[in-house]
N, C-alpha and C. Protein backbone atom coordinates (compact mmCIF):
# COMPACT_ATOMS: atom_id res chain seq x y z
N MET A 1 22.19 -7.13 4.92
CA MET A 1 21.60 -7.75 6.09
C MET A 1 20.20 -7.18 6.31
N PRO A 2 19.26 -8.03 6.65
CA PRO A 2 17.89 -7.57 6.88
C PRO A 2 17.72 -6.87 8.23
N ILE A 3 16.69 -6.05 8.30
CA ILE A 3 16.33 -5.37 9.54
C ILE A 3 15.11 -6.08 10.12
N TYR A 4 15.21 -6.50 11.38
CA TYR A 4 14.12 -7.20 12.04
C TYR A 4 13.51 -6.31 13.11
N GLY A 5 12.19 -6.36 13.20
CA GLY A 5 11.47 -5.64 14.23
C GLY A 5 11.20 -6.56 15.41
N TYR A 6 11.34 -6.03 16.62
CA TYR A 6 11.09 -6.80 17.84
C TYR A 6 10.11 -6.03 18.72
N LEU A 7 9.34 -6.79 19.50
CA LEU A 7 8.39 -6.22 20.46
C LEU A 7 8.54 -6.97 21.77
N CYS A 8 8.63 -6.23 22.87
CA CYS A 8 8.70 -6.82 24.20
C CYS A 8 7.27 -7.04 24.69
N HIS A 9 6.95 -8.28 25.01
CA HIS A 9 5.60 -8.59 25.50
C HIS A 9 5.45 -8.26 26.98
N SER A 10 6.52 -7.84 27.63
CA SER A 10 6.46 -7.46 29.03
C SER A 10 6.18 -5.97 29.20
N CYS A 11 6.97 -5.13 28.52
CA CYS A 11 6.83 -3.68 28.70
C CYS A 11 6.31 -2.95 27.45
N GLY A 12 6.23 -3.65 26.29
CA GLY A 12 5.73 -3.03 25.07
C GLY A 12 6.78 -2.27 24.27
N HIS A 13 8.04 -2.34 24.67
CA HIS A 13 9.12 -1.65 23.96
C HIS A 13 9.28 -2.24 22.56
N GLU A 14 9.41 -1.38 21.54
CA GLU A 14 9.63 -1.82 20.16
C GLU A 14 11.00 -1.35 19.68
N LEU A 15 11.67 -2.19 18.88
CA LEU A 15 12.96 -1.81 18.33
C LEU A 15 13.19 -2.53 17.02
N GLU A 16 14.10 -1.99 16.22
CA GLU A 16 14.51 -2.60 14.97
C GLU A 16 16.01 -2.87 15.05
N VAL A 17 16.40 -4.07 14.58
CA VAL A 17 17.79 -4.50 14.71
C VAL A 17 18.28 -5.02 13.37
N LEU A 18 19.48 -4.60 12.96
CA LEU A 18 20.13 -5.09 11.76
C LEU A 18 20.85 -6.38 12.13
N GLN A 19 20.40 -7.52 11.57
CA GLN A 19 20.97 -8.82 11.91
C GLN A 19 21.18 -9.67 10.67
N LYS A 20 22.10 -10.62 10.77
CA LYS A 20 22.26 -11.62 9.72
C LYS A 20 21.09 -12.58 9.81
N ILE A 21 20.76 -13.21 8.71
CA ILE A 21 19.68 -14.19 8.70
C ILE A 21 20.04 -15.36 9.62
N SER A 22 21.32 -15.70 9.69
CA SER A 22 21.76 -16.84 10.50
C SER A 22 21.87 -16.52 12.00
N ASP A 23 21.76 -15.23 12.39
CA ASP A 23 21.83 -14.87 13.81
C ASP A 23 20.61 -15.38 14.57
N SER A 24 20.82 -15.75 15.82
CA SER A 24 19.72 -16.17 16.67
C SER A 24 18.85 -14.97 17.02
N PRO A 25 17.53 -15.17 17.15
CA PRO A 25 16.66 -14.06 17.53
C PRO A 25 17.00 -13.53 18.93
N LEU A 26 16.83 -12.22 19.11
CA LEU A 26 17.07 -11.63 20.42
C LEU A 26 15.93 -12.01 21.35
N THR A 27 16.22 -12.13 22.64
CA THR A 27 15.18 -12.48 23.61
C THR A 27 15.12 -11.49 24.76
N GLU A 28 16.22 -10.82 25.08
CA GLU A 28 16.24 -9.89 26.22
C GLU A 28 15.91 -8.47 25.77
N CYS A 29 14.93 -7.87 26.42
CA CYS A 29 14.52 -6.51 26.12
C CYS A 29 15.56 -5.53 26.66
N PRO A 30 16.02 -4.58 25.83
CA PRO A 30 17.01 -3.60 26.32
C PRO A 30 16.41 -2.58 27.29
N ALA A 31 15.10 -2.44 27.32
CA ALA A 31 14.45 -1.47 28.20
C ALA A 31 14.19 -2.03 29.61
N CYS A 32 13.57 -3.23 29.69
CA CYS A 32 13.21 -3.77 31.00
C CYS A 32 14.04 -4.99 31.39
N HIS A 33 14.88 -5.48 30.49
CA HIS A 33 15.78 -6.62 30.70
C HIS A 33 15.06 -7.93 31.00
N GLU A 34 13.80 -8.04 30.59
CA GLU A 34 13.04 -9.29 30.72
C GLU A 34 13.30 -10.14 29.47
N GLN A 35 13.10 -11.44 29.57
CA GLN A 35 13.27 -12.35 28.45
C GLN A 35 11.95 -12.48 27.69
N ALA A 36 11.38 -11.36 27.24
CA ALA A 36 10.06 -11.34 26.62
C ALA A 36 10.07 -10.71 25.23
N LEU A 37 11.24 -10.61 24.60
CA LEU A 37 11.35 -10.00 23.28
C LEU A 37 10.99 -11.01 22.20
N LYS A 38 10.09 -10.64 21.30
CA LYS A 38 9.65 -11.51 20.21
C LYS A 38 9.82 -10.81 18.87
N LYS A 39 10.26 -11.57 17.86
CA LYS A 39 10.45 -11.03 16.51
C LYS A 39 9.08 -10.80 15.87
N GLN A 40 8.93 -9.66 15.18
CA GLN A 40 7.68 -9.29 14.52
C GLN A 40 7.76 -9.60 13.03
N LEU A 41 6.62 -9.85 12.41
CA LEU A 41 6.55 -10.02 10.97
C LEU A 41 6.32 -8.65 10.33
N SER A 42 6.94 -8.42 9.18
CA SER A 42 6.74 -7.15 8.49
C SER A 42 6.77 -7.38 6.99
N ALA A 43 6.34 -6.39 6.24
CA ALA A 43 6.32 -6.47 4.78
C ALA A 43 7.73 -6.37 4.23
N ALA A 44 7.89 -6.85 3.02
CA ALA A 44 9.19 -6.77 2.35
C ALA A 44 9.59 -5.31 2.19
N GLY A 45 10.87 -5.03 2.29
CA GLY A 45 11.37 -3.67 2.24
C GLY A 45 11.88 -3.23 0.89
N PHE A 46 11.41 -3.85 -0.20
CA PHE A 46 11.84 -3.41 -1.53
C PHE A 46 10.69 -3.53 -2.51
N ARG A 47 10.84 -2.81 -3.60
CA ARG A 47 9.82 -2.83 -4.64
C ARG A 47 10.51 -2.70 -5.99
N LEU A 48 10.10 -3.51 -6.95
CA LEU A 48 10.67 -3.43 -8.29
C LEU A 48 9.92 -2.36 -9.07
N SER A 49 10.62 -1.30 -9.47
CA SER A 49 9.98 -0.24 -10.23
C SER A 49 11.00 0.37 -11.18
N GLY A 50 10.50 1.11 -12.14
CA GLY A 50 11.39 1.75 -13.09
C GLY A 50 11.84 0.77 -14.16
N SER A 51 12.83 1.18 -14.94
CA SER A 51 13.33 0.28 -15.98
C SER A 51 14.34 -0.67 -15.34
N GLY A 52 14.36 -1.88 -15.83
CA GLY A 52 15.27 -2.85 -15.23
C GLY A 52 15.15 -4.20 -15.89
N TRP A 53 15.66 -5.20 -15.26
CA TRP A 53 15.72 -6.54 -15.83
C TRP A 53 14.35 -7.07 -16.22
N TYR A 54 13.34 -6.85 -15.41
CA TYR A 54 12.03 -7.41 -15.70
C TYR A 54 11.37 -6.74 -16.90
N GLU A 55 11.76 -5.51 -17.22
CA GLU A 55 11.17 -4.80 -18.37
C GLU A 55 11.62 -5.45 -19.67
N THR A 56 12.85 -5.88 -19.75
CA THR A 56 13.37 -6.43 -20.99
C THR A 56 13.30 -7.96 -21.03
N ASP A 57 13.31 -8.63 -19.91
CA ASP A 57 13.31 -10.09 -19.90
C ASP A 57 11.97 -10.71 -20.23
N PHE A 58 10.89 -10.02 -19.98
CA PHE A 58 9.57 -10.60 -20.19
C PHE A 58 8.79 -9.90 -21.30
N LYS A 59 9.49 -9.39 -22.29
CA LYS A 59 8.80 -8.69 -23.38
C LYS A 59 8.42 -9.69 -24.46
N LYS A 60 7.42 -9.32 -25.24
CA LYS A 60 6.97 -10.13 -26.37
C LYS A 60 7.17 -9.31 -27.64
N GLY A 61 7.95 -9.82 -28.57
CA GLY A 61 8.18 -9.12 -29.84
C GLY A 61 8.85 -7.78 -29.63
N ASN A 62 8.27 -6.72 -30.24
CA ASN A 62 8.83 -5.38 -30.14
C ASN A 62 8.31 -4.61 -28.93
N ARG A 63 7.40 -5.20 -28.19
CA ARG A 63 6.80 -4.51 -27.04
C ARG A 63 7.75 -4.53 -25.85
N LYS A 64 7.76 -3.44 -25.12
CA LYS A 64 8.55 -3.34 -23.90
C LYS A 64 7.62 -3.09 -22.73
N ASN A 65 8.05 -3.46 -21.57
CA ASN A 65 7.35 -3.18 -20.31
C ASN A 65 5.90 -3.67 -20.34
N ILE A 66 5.71 -4.94 -20.69
CA ILE A 66 4.35 -5.47 -20.73
C ILE A 66 3.76 -5.57 -19.33
N ALA A 67 4.61 -5.57 -18.30
CA ALA A 67 4.09 -5.63 -16.94
C ALA A 67 3.38 -4.34 -16.58
N GLY A 68 3.78 -3.21 -17.17
CA GLY A 68 3.18 -1.93 -16.85
C GLY A 68 2.01 -1.55 -17.74
N GLU A 69 1.78 -2.32 -18.82
CA GLU A 69 0.67 -2.01 -19.72
C GLU A 69 -0.65 -2.37 -19.07
N LYS A 70 -1.68 -1.63 -19.42
CA LYS A 70 -3.01 -1.95 -18.94
C LYS A 70 -3.55 -3.11 -19.75
N SER A 71 -4.12 -4.08 -19.08
CA SER A 71 -4.65 -5.24 -19.81
C SER A 71 -5.86 -4.83 -20.64
N GLY A 72 -5.87 -5.28 -21.89
CA GLY A 72 -6.99 -5.02 -22.78
C GLY A 72 -7.01 -3.62 -23.36
N GLU A 73 -5.94 -2.83 -23.20
CA GLU A 73 -5.93 -1.47 -23.70
C GLU A 73 -5.97 -1.49 -25.23
N GLY A 74 -6.93 -0.77 -25.80
CA GLY A 74 -7.05 -0.71 -27.25
C GLY A 74 -7.80 -1.88 -27.84
N LYS A 75 -8.25 -2.82 -27.02
CA LYS A 75 -8.98 -3.97 -27.51
C LYS A 75 -10.38 -3.95 -26.89
N ALA A 76 -11.36 -4.20 -27.71
CA ALA A 76 -12.74 -4.29 -27.20
C ALA A 76 -12.98 -5.71 -26.73
N GLU A 77 -13.46 -5.85 -25.53
CA GLU A 77 -13.74 -7.18 -25.01
C GLU A 77 -15.15 -7.57 -25.39
N LYS A 78 -15.31 -8.82 -25.82
CA LYS A 78 -16.61 -9.33 -26.21
C LYS A 78 -17.28 -9.96 -24.99
N PRO A 79 -18.59 -9.73 -24.82
CA PRO A 79 -19.27 -10.38 -23.70
C PRO A 79 -19.37 -11.88 -23.96
N ALA A 80 -19.45 -12.65 -22.88
CA ALA A 80 -19.56 -14.10 -23.00
C ALA A 80 -20.88 -14.47 -23.65
N LYS A 81 -20.84 -15.46 -24.52
CA LYS A 81 -22.05 -15.91 -25.20
C LYS A 81 -22.88 -16.75 -24.24
N SER A 82 -24.19 -16.60 -24.33
CA SER A 82 -25.06 -17.45 -23.52
C SER A 82 -25.94 -18.25 -24.45
N SER A 83 -26.41 -19.38 -23.99
CA SER A 83 -27.22 -20.26 -24.82
C SER A 83 -28.65 -19.76 -24.94
N GLY A 84 -29.06 -18.85 -24.08
CA GLY A 84 -30.41 -18.29 -24.13
C GLY A 84 -31.43 -19.16 -23.45
N THR A 85 -31.01 -20.27 -22.86
CA THR A 85 -31.96 -21.13 -22.15
C THR A 85 -31.67 -21.10 -20.67
N CYS A 86 -32.72 -21.26 -19.92
CA CYS A 86 -32.58 -21.26 -18.48
C CYS A 86 -33.40 -22.42 -17.94
N SER A 87 -32.79 -23.22 -17.13
CA SER A 87 -33.53 -24.33 -16.57
C SER A 87 -33.80 -24.07 -15.09
N ALA A 88 -35.04 -23.93 -14.75
CA ALA A 88 -35.42 -23.70 -13.35
C ALA A 88 -36.18 -24.92 -12.86
N ASN A 89 -35.86 -25.40 -11.71
CA ASN A 89 -36.54 -26.57 -11.14
C ASN A 89 -37.60 -26.17 -10.20
């Protein structure tokens, strides 16, 4: 079950509540008992790290963990070619 953050717009009280996704949002503030409680937006509470499904599912050939590799490592990048002409009006 996700944890939702709430803020009372009447008294400024903040709280976090463990609720089902299907539960109705809370409206009554437990501190001042006003109907001014609003659900807050927050960042996701998980991060994919370490070895796991994504390390092996998205590999190319014998390489592992291509998501963690630095792009262009060991390869020299060539500068873009230019035509050498410039048109100024």
